[in-house]
Amino acid sequence: MEEKKVKEFISKELLKFNFIRCTKGYKYLKESILLCINNIDNMENLNKNIFTQIAIKYNEKSFFNVKWCIEQSLKTMINNTKISVISTYFNLDENIRPSVKFFIYTIVSKYYNEIL
């Protein structure tokens, strides 16, 4: 039951942005956020703790493939979402784009601030 609530929270947060939801990158991003919520210590090293785990689960050759897919998904989202939405959500200047780690960290933080 708890994991269902976490997944619903993640989906609700990601709906605030214009992602292409049928891509590997989007799927890997959701999985990354879920794994970080389940164990906040995973945020220390996403390549080792998260992307490697996802690469194994989905039979990717390397964690680099997972990271690249997520980065491409984020780039597309940034191009498709109003910059004011992104800057307000992440509390960034309009000329600054969130990195993969910052994107994941912000959603994980919102989960802990709102849900717990």
Protein backbone atom coordinates (compact mmCIF):
# COMPACT_ATOMS: atom_id res chain seq x y z
CA MET A 1 0.00 0.00 0.00
CA GLU A 2 2.78 2.43 0.89
CA GLU A 3 4.58 1.90 -2.44
CA LYS A 4 1.35 2.62 -4.30
CA LYS A 5 1.05 5.99 -2.50
CA VAL A 6 4.66 6.81 -3.31
CA LYS A 7 4.16 5.97 -6.99
CA GLU A 8 1.01 8.11 -7.07
CA PHE A 9 2.92 11.01 -5.54
CA ILE A 10 5.72 10.67 -8.10
CA SER A 11 3.26 10.55 -11.00
CA LYS A 12 1.38 13.57 -9.66
CA GLU A 13 4.58 15.59 -9.39
CA LEU A 14 5.82 14.60 -12.84
CA LEU A 15 2.47 15.57 -14.38
CA LYS A 16 3.36 19.18 -13.60
CA PHE A 17 5.87 18.99 -16.46
CA ASN A 18 5.45 18.13 -20.14
CA PHE A 19 7.35 14.85 -20.33
CA ILE A 20 6.99 12.38 -23.14
CA ARG A 21 5.75 9.57 -20.92
CA CYS A 22 6.34 6.62 -23.26
CA THR A 23 10.15 6.86 -23.21
CA LYS A 24 12.75 4.80 -21.40
CA GLY A 25 14.12 7.97 -19.84
CA TYR A 26 10.78 8.80 -18.22
CA LYS A 27 10.43 5.25 -16.92
CA TYR A 28 13.99 5.32 -15.55
CA LEU A 29 13.40 8.73 -13.97
CA LYS A 30 10.30 7.49 -12.14
CA GLU A 31 12.18 4.41 -10.97
CA SER A 32 15.12 6.54 -9.80
CA ILE A 33 12.86 8.78 -7.74
CA LEU A 34 11.12 5.75 -6.20
CA LEU A 35 14.44 4.14 -5.25
CA CYS A 36 15.65 7.38 -3.67
CA ILE A 37 12.43 7.82 -1.69
CA ASN A 38 12.74 4.24 -0.46
CA ASN A 39 16.33 4.87 0.63
CA ILE A 40 17.46 8.49 0.85
CA ASP A 41 21.11 7.39 1.13
CA ASN A 42 20.92 6.42 -2.55
CA MET A 43 21.12 10.12 -3.41
CA GLU A 44 24.82 10.16 -2.48
CA ASN A 45 25.90 8.44 -5.70
CA LEU A 46 23.18 8.06 -8.32
CA ASN A 47 25.50 6.32 -10.79
CA LYS A 48 26.50 3.61 -8.34
CA ASN A 49 23.37 3.28 -6.20
CA ILE A 50 20.52 3.95 -8.62
CA PHE A 51 21.48 3.93 -12.30
CA THR A 52 23.46 0.69 -11.99
CA GLN A 53 20.51 -0.99 -10.29
CA ILE A 54 18.13 0.17 -13.04
CA ALA A 55 20.57 -0.90 -15.77
CA ILE A 56 20.63 -4.42 -14.34
CA LYS A 57 16.84 -4.56 -13.95
CA TYR A 58 16.19 -3.46 -17.55
CA ASN A 59 19.18 -5.24 -19.14
CA GLU A 60 20.97 -2.06 -20.20
CA LYS A 61 24.66 -2.41 -21.02
CA SER A 62 25.75 0.29 -18.58
CA PHE A 63 24.49 2.82 -16.08
CA PHE A 64 25.62 5.42 -18.63
CA ASN A 65 22.73 4.34 -20.88
CA VAL A 66 20.26 4.86 -18.04
CA LYS A 67 21.70 8.27 -17.19
CA TRP A 68 21.72 9.32 -20.87
CA CYS A 69 18.05 8.30 -21.31
CA ILE A 70 17.05 10.31 -18.24
CA GLU A 71 19.08 13.32 -19.40
CA GLN A 72 17.40 13.24 -22.83
CA SER A 73 13.98 12.98 -21.21
CA LEU A 74 14.77 15.99 -19.02
CA LYS A 75 16.04 18.02 -22.00
CA THR A 76 12.84 17.30 -23.92
CA MET A 77 10.72 18.19 -20.90
CA ILE A 78 12.58 21.49 -20.49
CA ASN A 79 11.92 22.32 -24.15
CA ASN A 80 8.22 21.41 -23.83
CA THR A 81 7.42 23.00 -20.45
CA LYS A 82 7.01 26.71 -19.77
CA ILE A 83 10.20 27.98 -18.20
CA SER A 84 8.17 29.76 -15.51
CA VAL A 85 6.76 26.40 -14.36
CA ILE A 86 10.26 24.92 -14.08
CA SER A 87 11.81 27.94 -12.37
CA THR A 88 8.94 28.21 -9.87
CA TYR A 89 8.91 24.49 -9.02
CA PHE A 90 12.67 24.31 -8.50
CA ASN A 91 13.10 27.85 -7.20
CA LEU A 92 15.69 28.60 -9.89
CA ASP A 93 16.43 31.61 -12.04
CA GLU A 94 14.80 31.31 -15.45
CA ASN A 95 18.13 30.83 -17.22
CA ILE A 96 19.17 27.85 -15.04
CA ARG A 97 18.04 24.31 -15.82
CA PRO A 98 17.86 21.57 -13.16
CA SER A 99 20.38 18.73 -13.40
CA VAL A 100 19.25 15.10 -13.13
CA LYS A 101 20.38 14.91 -9.50
CA PHE A 102 18.74 18.22 -8.58
CA PHE A 103 15.50 17.17 -10.29
CA ILE A 104 15.38 13.87 -8.39
CA TYR A 105 16.47 15.48 -5.12
CA THR A 106 13.76 18.14 -5.32
CA ILE A 107 10.96 15.62 -5.83
CA VAL A 108 12.31 13.37 -3.07
CA SER A 109 12.48 16.38 -0.73
CA LYS A 110 8.93 17.41 -1.61
CA TYR A 111 7.79 13.88 -0.79
CA TYR A 112 9.36 13.98 2.65
CA ASN A 113 8.08 17.51 3.32
CA GLU A 114 4.50 16.87 2.19
CA ILE A 115 3.84 13.22 2.98
CA LEU A 116 5.76 12.59 6.18
